Amino acid sequence: MAKTYDSNNIFAKILRGDIPCKKIYEDDTVLAFHDISPQAPSHILVLPKGAYVDMDDFTAKATDAEITGLFRALGNIARAAGLAEGGYRVISNIGVDGGQEVPHLHLHLVGGRKLGRMLQPAE
């Protein structure tokens, strides 16, 4: 099923400069900024600048340069934030069942403390 991108989602507005962010990294293909509701001492959102709904959409439609750029930036950002040595987690929620809240691909780069289990047992 084709995914429709909503150009009025909050991350699209941030990318256009309509809404400010605490930017920590930007290049031709990626923007990264601090999450306004951090879930760990370090919680950075990393977004491709292209109009992609989620990781499924991105991997199907993005150019090789965009894919490489996102993952290179992610590693550079983690190292610059001092997260590489102690470890960190990269999370991308996809779709309703995956818990995605904003329909623009974004990666949560979290760290700065022991993060614990990835998922809790089902209730």
C-alpha atoms as a PDB file:
ATOM      1  CA  MET A   1       0.000   0.000   0.000  1.00  0.00           C
ATOM      2  CA  ALA A   2       1.381   3.428  -0.944  1.00  0.00           C
ATOM      3  CA  LYS A   3       1.983   5.781   1.952  1.00  0.00           C
ATOM      4  CA  THR A   4       0.867   9.389   1.743  1.00  0.00           C
ATOM      5  CA  TYR A   5       3.174  11.991   3.241  1.00  0.00           C
ATOM      6  CA  ASP A   6       1.514  14.763   5.283  1.00  0.00           C
ATOM      7  CA  SER A   7       3.491  17.951   4.592  1.00  0.00           C
ATOM      8  CA  ASN A   8       1.893  19.591   7.637  1.00  0.00           C
ATOM      9  CA  ASN A   9       3.297  17.180  10.214  1.00  0.00           C
ATOM     10  CA  ILE A  10       5.384  18.772  12.974  1.00  0.00           C
ATOM     11  CA  PHE A  11       8.713  17.526  11.604  1.00  0.00           C
ATOM     12  CA  ALA A  12       7.942  18.895   8.137  1.00  0.00           C
ATOM     13  CA  LYS A  13       7.238  22.245   9.817  1.00  0.00           C
ATOM     14  CA  ILE A  14      10.554  22.058  11.694  1.00  0.00           C
ATOM     15  CA  LEU A  15      12.404  21.190   8.470  1.00  0.00           C
ATOM     16  CA  ARG A  16      10.814  24.219   6.747  1.00  0.00           C
ATOM     17  CA  GLY A  17      11.798  26.463   9.656  1.00  0.00           C
ATOM     18  CA  ASP A  18       8.182  27.168  10.635  1.00  0.00           C
ATOM     19  CA  ILE A  19       8.830  25.746  14.134  1.00  0.00           C
ATOM     20  CA  PRO A  20      12.163  26.193  15.952  1.00  0.00           C
ATOM     21  CA  CYS A  21      14.255  23.346  17.318  1.00  0.00           C
ATOM     22  CA  LYS A  22      17.448  22.941  19.343  1.00  0.00           C
ATOM     23  CA  LYS A  23      19.496  21.903  16.319  1.00  0.00           C
ATOM     24  CA  ILE A  24      22.692  19.976  16.941  1.00  0.00           C
ATOM     25  CA  TYR A  25      23.502  18.767  13.422  1.00  0.00           C
ATOM     26  CA  GLU A  26      22.535  19.562   9.860  1.00  0.00           C
ATOM     27  CA  ASP A  27      23.836  18.682   6.425  1.00  0.00           C
ATOM     28  CA  ASP A  28      22.314  18.381   2.951  1.00  0.00           C
ATOM     29  CA  THR A  29      20.216  15.320   3.796  1.00  0.00           C
ATOM     30  CA  VAL A  30      19.772  15.232   7.588  1.00  0.00           C
ATOM     31  CA  LEU A  31      18.624  17.422  10.485  1.00  0.00           C
ATOM     32  CA  ALA A  32      19.158  16.426  14.127  1.00  0.00           C
ATOM     33  CA  PHE A  33      17.889  18.159  17.239  1.00  0.00           C
ATOM     34  CA  HIS A  34      17.160  17.561  20.923  1.00  0.00           C
ATOM     35  CA  ASP A  35      13.805  15.938  21.715  1.00  0.00           C
ATOM     36  CA  ILE A  36      11.527  18.311  23.667  1.00  0.00           C
ATOM     37  CA  SER A  37      10.449  15.420  25.938  1.00  0.00           C
ATOM     38  CA  PRO A  38      13.655  13.452  26.465  1.00  0.00           C
ATOM     39  CA  GLN A  39      13.345   9.855  27.644  1.00  0.00           C
ATOM     40  CA  ALA A  40      17.048   9.589  28.575  1.00  0.00           C
ATOM     41  CA  PRO A  41      19.849  12.014  29.484  1.00  0.00           C
ATOM     42  CA  SER A  42      20.628  12.220  25.777  1.00  0.00           C
ATOM     43  CA  HIS A  43      17.638  12.008  23.401  1.00  0.00           C
ATOM     44  CA  ILE A  44      18.255  13.278  19.898  1.00  0.00           C
ATOM     45  CA  LEU A  45      15.894  13.079  16.931  1.00  0.00           C
ATOM     46  CA  VAL A  46      17.572  12.433  13.576  1.00  0.00           C
ATOM     47  CA  LEU A  47      15.473  13.090  10.461  1.00  0.00           C
ATOM     48  CA  PRO A  48      16.117  12.762   6.770  1.00  0.00           C
ATOM     49  CA  LYS A  49      15.151  15.994   5.023  1.00  0.00           C
ATOM     50  CA  GLY A  50      13.190  14.125   2.362  1.00  0.00           C
ATOM     51  CA  ALA A  51       9.444  13.505   2.636  1.00  0.00           C
ATOM     52  CA  TYR A  52       9.396   9.936   3.939  1.00  0.00           C
ATOM     53  CA  VAL A  53       6.623   8.585   6.157  1.00  0.00           C
ATOM     54  CA  ASP A  54       8.676   5.889   7.906  1.00  0.00           C
ATOM     55  CA  MET A  55      11.627   3.514   7.511  1.00  0.00           C
ATOM     56  CA  ASP A  56       9.638   1.277   5.166  1.00  0.00           C
ATOM     57  CA  ASP A  57       8.884   4.244   2.884  1.00  0.00           C
ATOM     58  CA  PHE A  58      12.478   5.510   3.142  1.00  0.00           C
ATOM     59  CA  THR A  59      14.144   2.220   2.237  1.00  0.00           C
ATOM     60  CA  ALA A  60      11.782   1.785  -0.714  1.00  0.00           C
ATOM     61  CA  LYS A  61      12.131   5.307  -2.169  1.00  0.00           C
ATOM     62  CA  ALA A  62      15.253   7.101  -0.900  1.00  0.00           C
ATOM     63  CA  THR A  63      18.388   7.423  -2.986  1.00  0.00           C
ATOM     64  CA  ASP A  64      21.528   5.555  -1.990  1.00  0.00           C
ATOM     65  CA  ALA A  65      23.052   8.927  -1.023  1.00  0.00           C
ATOM     66  CA  GLU A  66      20.130   9.692   1.311  1.00  0.00           C
ATOM     67  CA  ILE A  67      20.313   6.281   2.969  1.00  0.00           C
ATOM     68  CA  THR A  68      24.075   6.483   3.414  1.00  0.00           C
ATOM     69  CA  GLY A  69      23.821  10.100   4.594  1.00  0.00           C
ATOM     70  CA  LEU A  70      21.286   9.255   7.305  1.00  0.00           C
ATOM     71  CA  PHE A  71      23.315   6.404   8.762  1.00  0.00           C
ATOM     72  CA  ARG A  72      26.667   8.214   8.529  1.00  0.00           C
ATOM     73  CA  ALA A  73      25.121  11.235  10.253  1.00  0.00           C
ATOM     74  CA  LEU A  74      23.649   9.003  12.956  1.00  0.00           C
ATOM     75  CA  GLY A  75      27.084   7.594  13.810  1.00  0.00           C
ATOM     76  CA  ASN A  76      28.724  11.021  13.701  1.00  0.00           C
ATOM     77  CA  ILE A  77      26.047  12.483  15.982  1.00  0.00           C
ATOM     78  CA  ALA A  78      26.356   9.610  18.488  1.00  0.00           C
ATOM     79  CA  ARG A  79      30.138  10.022  18.642  1.00  0.00           C
ATOM     80  CA  ALA A  80      29.917  13.821  18.958  1.00  0.00           C
ATOM     81  CA  ALA A  81      27.376  13.438  21.784  1.00  0.00           C
ATOM     82  CA  GLY A  82      29.788  11.131  23.644  1.00  0.00           C
ATOM     83  CA  LEU A  83      27.490   8.123  23.387  1.00  0.00           C
ATOM     84  CA  ALA A  84      29.632   5.698  21.396  1.00  0.00           C
ATOM     85  CA  GLU A  85      31.837   4.472  24.235  1.00  0.00           C
ATOM     86  CA  GLY A  86      29.110   3.682  26.766  1.00  0.00           C
ATOM     87  CA  GLY A  87      26.516   2.656  24.210  1.00  0.00           C
ATOM     88  CA  TYR A  88      23.240   3.971  22.940  1.00  0.00           C
ATOM     89  CA  ARG A  89      20.016   2.892  21.307  1.00  0.00           C
ATOM     90  CA  VAL A  90      18.532   3.845  17.929  1.00  0.00           C
ATOM     91  CA  ILE A  91      14.757   3.506  17.659  1.00  0.00           C
ATOM     92  CA  SER A  92      12.458   4.020  14.703  1.00  0.00           C
ATOM     93  CA  ASN A  93       8.768   3.467  15.337  1.00  0.00           C
ATOM     94  CA  ILE A  94       6.882   2.425  12.216  1.00  0.00           C
ATOM     95  CA  GLY A  95       3.112   2.565  11.844  1.00  0.00           C
ATOM     96  CA  VAL A  96       0.344   2.321  14.399  1.00  0.00           C
ATOM     97  CA  ASP A  97       1.424  -1.014  15.889  1.00  0.00           C
ATOM     98  CA  GLY A  98       5.025   0.238  16.115  1.00  0.00           C
ATOM     99  CA  GLY A  99       3.977   3.310  18.090  1.00  0.00           C
ATOM    100  CA  GLN A 100       4.765   5.931  15.434  1.00  0.00           C
ATOM    101  CA  GLU A 101       3.275   9.301  16.420  1.00  0.00           C
ATOM    102  CA  VAL A 102       4.613  11.625  13.704  1.00  0.00           C
ATOM    103  CA  PRO A 103       4.337  10.495  10.055  1.00  0.00           C
ATOM    104  CA  HIS A 104       7.854  11.588   9.064  1.00  0.00           C
ATOM    105  CA  LEU A 105      10.745   9.137   9.388  1.00  0.00           C
ATOM    106  CA  HIS A 106      12.763   9.978  12.472  1.00  0.00           C
ATOM    107  CA  LEU A 107      15.277   8.036  14.501  1.00  0.00           C
ATOM    108  CA  HIS A 108      15.480   8.401  18.262  1.00  0.00           C
ATOM    109  CA  LEU A 109      19.112   8.347  19.375  1.00  0.00           C
ATOM    110  CA  VAL A 110      19.013   7.753  23.133  1.00  0.00           C
ATOM    111  CA  GLY A 111      21.716   7.157  25.706  1.00  0.00           C
ATOM    112  CA  GLY A 112      23.630   8.605  28.590  1.00  0.00           C
ATOM    113  CA  ARG A 113      22.601   5.883  31.057  1.00  0.00           C
ATOM    114  CA  LYS A 114      21.953   2.139  31.164  1.00  0.00           C
ATOM    115  CA  LEU A 115      18.766   1.783  29.126  1.00  0.00           C
ATOM    116  CA  GLY A 116      17.583  -1.629  30.273  1.00  0.00           C
ATOM    117  CA  ARG A 117      15.521  -4.091  28.301  1.00  0.00           C
ATOM    118  CA  MET A 118      14.335  -3.183  24.846  1.00  0.00           C
ATOM    119  CA  LEU A 119      10.769  -4.416  25.375  1.00  0.00           C
ATOM    120  CA  GLN A 120       8.851  -5.349  28.479  1.00  0.00           C
ATOM    121  CA  PRO A 121       6.996  -8.682  28.524  1.00  0.00           C
ATOM    122  CA  ALA A 122       3.423  -8.526  27.210  1.00  0.00           C
ATOM    123  CA  GLU A 123       0.773  -8.137  29.886  1.00  0.00           C
END
